PDB file of N, CA and C in Angstrom:
ATOM      1  N   UNK A   1      -5.018 -21.223   5.322  1.00  0.00           N
ATOM      2  CA  UNK A   1      -6.548 -20.916   5.077  1.00  0.00           C
ATOM      3  C   UNK A   1      -5.734 -19.284   3.925  1.00  0.00           C
ATOM      4  N   UNK A   2      -6.703 -19.286   4.043  1.00  0.00           N
ATOM      5  CA  UNK A   2      -7.439 -17.979   3.116  1.00  0.00           C
ATOM      6  C   UNK A   2      -7.646 -16.470   2.930  1.00  0.00           C
ATOM      7  N   UNK A   3      -7.748 -15.934   2.041  1.00  0.00           N
ATOM      8  CA  UNK A   3      -7.828 -14.535   2.843  1.00  0.00           C
ATOM      9  C   UNK A   3      -9.482 -14.444   3.580  1.00  0.00           C
ATOM     10  N   UNK A   4     -10.594 -14.806   3.185  1.00  0.00           N
ATOM     11  CA  UNK A   4     -11.595 -14.437   3.379  1.00  0.00           C
ATOM     12  C   UNK A   4     -11.493 -15.069   4.941  1.00  0.00           C
ATOM     13  N   UNK A   5     -10.777 -16.188   4.709  1.00  0.00           N
ATOM     14  CA  UNK A   5     -11.711 -17.237   6.580  1.00  0.00           C
ATOM     15  C   UNK A   5      -9.785 -15.697   7.586  1.00  0.00           C
ATOM     16  N   UNK A   6      -9.574 -15.481   7.351  1.00  0.00           N
ATOM     17  CA  UNK A   6      -8.252 -14.301   7.499  1.00  0.00           C
ATOM     18  C   UNK A   6      -8.852 -13.075   7.342  1.00  0.00           C
ATOM     19  N   UNK A   7     -10.316 -12.485   7.115  1.00  0.00           N
ATOM     20  CA  UNK A   7     -10.797 -11.648   7.603  1.00  0.00           C
ATOM     21  C   UNK A   7     -11.454 -11.395   8.294  1.00  0.00           C
ATOM     22  N   UNK A   8     -12.464 -12.700   8.011  1.00  0.00           N
ATOM     23  CA  UNK A   8     -13.006 -13.675   9.287  1.00  0.00           C
ATOM     24  C   UNK A   8     -13.148 -13.407  10.245  1.00  0.00           C
ATOM     25  N   UNK A   9     -10.964 -13.367  10.458  1.00  0.00           N
ATOM     26  CA  UNK A   9     -10.987 -14.123  12.205  1.00  0.00           C
ATOM     27  C   UNK A   9      -9.896 -13.444  12.175  1.00  0.00           C
ATOM     28  N   UNK A  10      -9.794 -11.865  11.628  1.00  0.00           N
ATOM     29  CA  UNK A  10      -8.650 -10.781  11.459  1.00  0.00           C
ATOM     30  C   UNK A  10      -8.116 -10.615  13.339  1.00  0.00           C
ATOM     31  N   UNK A  11      -9.412 -10.797  13.942  1.00  0.00           N
ATOM     32  CA  UNK A  11      -8.677 -10.464  15.402  1.00  0.00           C
ATOM     33  C   UNK A  11      -7.598 -11.050  16.160  1.00  0.00           C
ATOM     34  N   UNK A  12      -7.872 -12.830  15.820  1.00  0.00           N
ATOM     35  CA  UNK A  12      -6.828 -13.828  16.083  1.00  0.00           C
ATOM     36  C   UNK A  12      -5.907 -13.406  14.970  1.00  0.00           C
ATOM     37  N   UNK A  13      -6.020 -13.138  13.959  1.00  0.00           N
ATOM     38  CA  UNK A  13      -5.057 -13.230  12.859  1.00  0.00           C
ATOM     39  C   UNK A  13      -3.864 -12.132  13.051  1.00  0.00           C
ATOM     40  N   UNK A  14      -3.974 -10.680  13.648  1.00  0.00           N
ATOM     41  CA  UNK A  14      -3.747  -9.954  13.865  1.00  0.00           C
ATOM     42  C   UNK A  14      -2.303  -9.933  15.039  1.00  0.00           C
ATOM     43  N   UNK A  15      -2.528 -10.980  15.527  1.00  0.00           N
ATOM     44  CA  UNK A  15      -2.020 -11.044  16.593  1.00  0.00           C
ATOM     45  C   UNK A  15      -0.588 -11.649  16.915  1.00  0.00           C
ATOM     46  N   UNK A  16      -0.636 -12.260  15.317  1.00  0.00           N
ATOM     47  CA  UNK A  16       0.674 -13.897  15.014  1.00  0.00           C
ATOM     48  C   UNK A  16       0.471 -11.836  14.034  1.00  0.00           C
ATOM     49  N   UNK A  17       0.238 -11.861  13.241  1.00  0.00           N
ATOM     50  CA  UNK A  17       0.644 -10.589  12.015  1.00  0.00           C
ATOM     51  C   UNK A  17       1.607  -9.364  12.772  1.00  0.00           C
ATOM     52  N   UNK A  18       1.397  -8.865  14.526  1.00  0.00           N
ATOM     53  CA  UNK A  18       1.619  -8.410  15.101  1.00  0.00           C
ATOM     54  C   UNK A  18       2.663  -8.827  16.387  1.00  0.00           C
ATOM     55  N   UNK A  19       2.802 -10.255  16.096  1.00  0.00           N
ATOM     56  CA  UNK A  19       4.306 -10.604  16.861  1.00  0.00           C
ATOM     57  C   UNK A  19       5.387 -10.352  15.791  1.00  0.00           C
ATOM     58  N   UNK A  20       5.150 -11.117  14.669  1.00  0.00           N
ATOM     59  CA  UNK A  20       5.828 -11.279  13.485  1.00  0.00           C
ATOM     60  C   UNK A  20       6.588  -9.270  12.849  1.00  0.00           C
ATOM     61  N   UNK A  21       6.139  -8.349  13.575  1.00  0.00           N
ATOM     62  CA  UNK A  21       5.949  -7.575  12.847  1.00  0.00           C
ATOM     63  C   UNK A  21       5.137  -6.229  13.982  1.00  0.00           C
ATOM     64  N   UNK A  22       6.146  -5.786  14.686  1.00  0.00           N
ATOM     65  CA  UNK A  22       5.770  -5.614  15.810  1.00  0.00           C
ATOM     66  C   UNK A  22       5.621  -4.306  16.084  1.00  0.00           C
ATOM     67  N   UNK A  23       6.354  -3.716  15.132  1.00  0.00           N
ATOM     68  CA  UNK A  23       6.609  -2.760  14.000  1.00  0.00           C
ATOM     69  C   UNK A  23       4.718  -1.642  14.096  1.00  0.00           C
ATOM     70  N   UNK A  24       4.722  -2.826  13.526  1.00  0.00           N
ATOM     71  CA  UNK A  24       2.649  -2.243  13.551  1.00  0.00           C
ATOM     72  C   UNK A  24       2.042  -2.164  14.706  1.00  0.00           C
ATOM     73  N   UNK A  25       1.252  -0.323  14.948  1.00  0.00           N
ATOM     74  CA  UNK A  25       1.146  -0.356  15.464  1.00  0.00           C
ATOM     75  C   UNK A  25      -1.266  -0.795  15.952  1.00  0.00           C
ATOM     76  N   UNK A  26      -1.727  -1.486  16.646  1.00  0.00           N
ATOM     77  CA  UNK A  26      -3.149  -1.975  17.004  1.00  0.00           C
ATOM     78  C   UNK A  26      -4.230  -0.921  16.440  1.00  0.00           C
ATOM     79  N   UNK A  27      -3.655   0.778  15.492  1.00  0.00           N
ATOM     80  CA  UNK A  27      -4.834   1.781  15.312  1.00  0.00           C
ATOM     81  C   UNK A  27      -4.779   1.080  13.220  1.00  0.00           C
ATOM     82  N   UNK A  28      -2.898   1.153  13.362  1.00  0.00           N
ATOM     83  CA  UNK A  28      -2.712   0.007  11.837  1.00  0.00           C
ATOM     84  C   UNK A  28      -3.540  -1.014  11.375  1.00  0.00           C
ATOM     85  N   UNK A  29      -3.815  -2.074  12.171  1.00  0.00           N
ATOM     86  CA  UNK A  29      -3.632  -3.566  12.676  1.00  0.00           C
ATOM     87  C   UNK A  29      -5.480  -3.296  11.972  1.00  0.00           C
ATOM     88  N   UNK A  30      -6.556  -1.805  13.515  1.00  0.00           N
ATOM     89  CA  UNK A  30      -7.094  -2.425  12.650  1.00  0.00           C
ATOM     90  C   UNK A  30      -7.511  -1.478  11.449  1.00  0.00           C
ATOM     91  N   UNK A  31      -6.627  -0.074  10.417  1.00  0.00           N
ATOM     92  CA  UNK A  31      -7.773   0.011   9.297  1.00  0.00           C
ATOM     93  C   UNK A  31      -7.234  -0.817   8.588  1.00  0.00           C
ATOM     94  N   UNK A  32      -6.528  -1.664   8.758  1.00  0.00           N
ATOM     95  CA  UNK A  32      -5.902  -3.139   7.279  1.00  0.00           C
ATOM     96  C   UNK A  32      -7.235  -4.447   6.963  1.00  0.00           C
ATOM     97  N   UNK A  33      -7.387  -4.376   8.790  1.00  0.00           N
ATOM     98  CA  UNK A  33      -8.551  -5.068   8.798  1.00  0.00           C
ATOM     99  C   UNK A  33      -8.886  -6.260   8.162  1.00  0.00           C
ATOM    100  N   UNK A  34      -7.652  -7.142   7.416  1.00  0.00           N
ATOM    101  CA  UNK A  34      -7.412  -8.755   7.242  1.00  0.00           C
ATOM    102  C   UNK A  34      -8.117  -8.398   5.965  1.00  0.00           C
ATOM    103  N   UNK A  35      -7.783  -7.463   5.371  1.00  0.00           N
ATOM    104  CA  UNK A  35      -7.598  -6.831   3.772  1.00  0.00           C
ATOM    105  C   UNK A  35      -6.430  -6.767   3.408  1.00  0.00           C
ATOM    106  N   UNK A  36      -5.987  -7.775   2.713  1.00  0.00           N
ATOM    107  CA  UNK A  36      -4.627  -8.746   1.873  1.00  0.00           C
ATOM    108  C   UNK A  36      -3.681  -7.672   0.939  1.00  0.00           C
ATOM    109  N   UNK A  37      -4.799  -6.183   0.632  1.00  0.00           N
ATOM    110  CA  UNK A  37      -3.923  -5.538   0.019  1.00  0.00           C
ATOM    111  C   UNK A  37      -3.796  -4.497   0.796  1.00  0.00           C
ATOM    112  N   UNK A  38      -4.482  -4.254   1.836  1.00  0.00           N
ATOM    113  CA  UNK A  38      -3.901  -2.894   2.497  1.00  0.00           C
ATOM    114  C   UNK A  38      -2.727  -3.163   3.294  1.00  0.00           C
ATOM    115  N   UNK A  39      -2.434  -4.945   4.149  1.00  0.00           N
ATOM    116  CA  UNK A  39      -1.528  -5.934   5.260  1.00  0.00           C
ATOM    117  C   UNK A  39      -0.332  -5.505   4.412  1.00  0.00           C
ATOM    118  N   UNK A  40      -0.009  -5.901   2.695  1.00  0.00           N
ATOM    119  CA  UNK A  40       1.238  -5.730   1.995  1.00  0.00           C
ATOM    120  C   UNK A  40       1.758  -4.471   1.849  1.00  0.00           C
ATOM    121  N   UNK A  41       1.016  -3.266   1.820  1.00  0.00           N
ATOM    122  CA  UNK A  41       1.037  -2.233   1.157  1.00  0.00           C
ATOM    123  C   UNK A  41       1.688  -1.526   2.531  1.00  0.00           C
ATOM    124  N   UNK A  42       1.723  -2.086   3.152  1.00  0.00           N
ATOM    125  CA  UNK A  42       1.706  -1.283   4.673  1.00  0.00           C
ATOM    126  C   UNK A  42       3.336  -2.320   5.309  1.00  0.00           C
ATOM    127  N   UNK A  43       3.064  -3.591   4.921  1.00  0.00           N
ATOM    128  CA  UNK A  43       4.162  -4.194   5.387  1.00  0.00           C
ATOM    129  C   UNK A  43       5.576  -3.587   4.096  1.00  0.00           C
ATOM    130  N   UNK A  44       5.274  -3.299   2.928  1.00  0.00           N
ATOM    131  CA  UNK A  44       6.059  -3.377   1.633  1.00  0.00           C
ATOM    132  C   UNK A  44       6.835  -1.807   2.319  1.00  0.00           C
ATOM    133  N   UNK A  45       5.600  -0.898   3.418  1.00  0.00           N
ATOM    134  CA  UNK A  45       6.370   0.780   4.147  1.00  0.00           C
ATOM    135  C   UNK A  45       7.071   0.543   4.251  1.00  0.00           C
ATOM    136  N   UNK A  46       6.294  -0.672   6.087  1.00  0.00           N
ATOM    137  CA  UNK A  46       7.098  -0.735   7.147  1.00  0.00           C
ATOM    138  C   UNK A  46       8.891  -1.408   6.709  1.00  0.00           C
ATOM    139  N   UNK A  47       9.237  -2.486   5.937  1.00  0.00           N
ATOM    140  CA  UNK A  47      10.022  -3.037   5.987  1.00  0.00           C
ATOM    141  C   UNK A  47      10.804  -2.789   5.004  1.00  0.00           C
ATOM    142  N   UNK A  48      10.070  -2.518   4.108  1.00  0.00           N
ATOM    143  CA  UNK A  48      10.901  -1.863   2.495  1.00  0.00           C
ATOM    144  C   UNK A  48      11.542  -3.156   1.328  1.00  0.00           C
ATOM    145  N   UNK A  49      10.638  -4.404   1.797  1.00  0.00           N
ATOM    146  CA  UNK A  49      10.515  -5.557   0.847  1.00  0.00           C
ATOM    147  C   UNK A  49       9.524  -5.702   0.134  1.00  0.00           C
ATOM    148  N   UNK A  50      10.369  -5.995  -1.073  1.00  0.00           N
ATOM    149  CA  UNK A  50       9.449  -6.185  -1.946  1.00  0.00           C
ATOM    150  C   UNK A  50       8.079  -7.799  -2.204  1.00  0.00           C
ATOM    151  N   UNK A  51       7.350  -7.737  -2.796  1.00  0.00           N
ATOM    152  CA  UNK A  51       5.462  -7.760  -1.854  1.00  0.00           C
ATOM    153  C   UNK A  51       6.588  -9.580  -1.563  1.00  0.00           C
ATOM    154  N   UNK A  52       6.637 -10.198  -2.709  1.00  0.00           N
ATOM    155  CA  UNK A  52       7.132 -11.415  -3.229  1.00  0.00           C
ATOM    156  C   UNK A  52       7.346 -12.293  -1.786  1.00  0.00           C
ATOM    157  N   UNK A  53       8.651 -11.135  -0.976  1.00  0.00           N
ATOM    158  CA  UNK A  53       9.312 -11.731   0.215  1.00  0.00           C
ATOM    159  C   UNK A  53       8.457 -11.569   1.132  1.00  0.00           C
ATOM    160  N   UNK A  54       7.732 -10.605   0.768  1.00  0.00           N
ATOM    161  CA  UNK A  54       6.108 -10.039   2.171  1.00  0.00           C
ATOM    162  C   UNK A  54       5.476 -11.357   1.757  1.00  0.00           C
ATOM    163  N   UNK A  55       5.282 -12.026   0.624  1.00  0.00           N
ATOM    164  CA  UNK A  55       3.982 -13.171   0.747  1.00  0.00           C
ATOM    165  C   UNK A  55       4.655 -14.656   1.532  1.00  0.00           C
ATOM    166  N   UNK A  56       5.590 -14.623   0.919  1.00  0.00           N
ATOM    167  CA  UNK A  56       6.285 -15.994   2.145  1.00  0.00           C
ATOM    168  C   UNK A  56       6.160 -15.428   3.347  1.00  0.00           C
ATOM    169  N   UNK A  57       6.716 -14.339   3.619  1.00  0.00           N
ATOM    170  CA  UNK A  57       6.631 -14.251   5.580  1.00  0.00           C
ATOM    171  C   UNK A  57       5.907 -14.555   5.999  1.00  0.00           C
ATOM    172  N   UNK A  58       4.479 -14.134   5.496  1.00  0.00           N
ATOM    173  CA  UNK A  58       2.983 -13.952   6.058  1.00  0.00           C
ATOM    174  C   UNK A  58       2.320 -15.355   5.523  1.00  0.00           C
ATOM    175  N   UNK A  59       2.796 -16.123   4.819  1.00  0.00           N
ATOM    176  CA  UNK A  59       2.339 -17.029   4.705  1.00  0.00           C
ATOM    177  C   UNK A  59       3.226 -18.586   5.861  1.00  0.00           C
ATOM    178  N   UNK A  60       4.506 -18.201   6.473  1.00  0.00           N
ATOM    179  CA  UNK A  60       4.796 -18.840   7.158  1.00  0.00           C
ATOM    180  C   UNK A  60       4.433 -18.155   8.323  1.00  0.00           C
ATOM    181  N   UNK A  61       4.546 -17.250   8.388  1.00  0.00           N
ATOM    182  CA  UNK A  61       3.919 -16.555   9.736  1.00  0.00           C
ATOM    183  C   UNK A  61       2.934 -17.007  10.137  1.00  0.00           C
ATOM    184  N   UNK A  62       1.943 -16.497   9.770  1.00  0.00           N
ATOM    185  CA  UNK A  62       0.157 -16.886   9.605  1.00  0.00           C
ATOM    186  C   UNK A  62      -0.377 -18.484   9.316  1.00  0.00           C
ATOM    187  N   UNK A  63       0.092 -18.783   7.742  1.00  0.00           N
ATOM    188  CA  UNK A  63      -0.621 -19.588   6.874  1.00  0.00           C
ATOM    189  C   UNK A  63      -1.510 -18.624   6.258  1.00  0.00           C
ATOM    190  N   UNK A  64      -1.102 -17.208   5.552  1.00  0.00           N
ATOM    191  CA  UNK A  64      -2.263 -16.890   5.192  1.00  0.00           C
ATOM    192  C   UNK A  64      -1.471 -16.668   3.709  1.00  0.00           C
TER     193      UNK A  64
END
């Protein structure tokens, strides 16, 4: 799934993201609104992991 598809299907994808990273709030996910840079930034802030590691986790969690 590419990021245009993620943005278009954000309501479905955000459920998978929240399953993987349960500490993300609904408000945070609504603000992210499927934007890749916002999601990566928030996950870096929450997890302290490198962007590359988060990208791999995202790919395995939701195919995006």
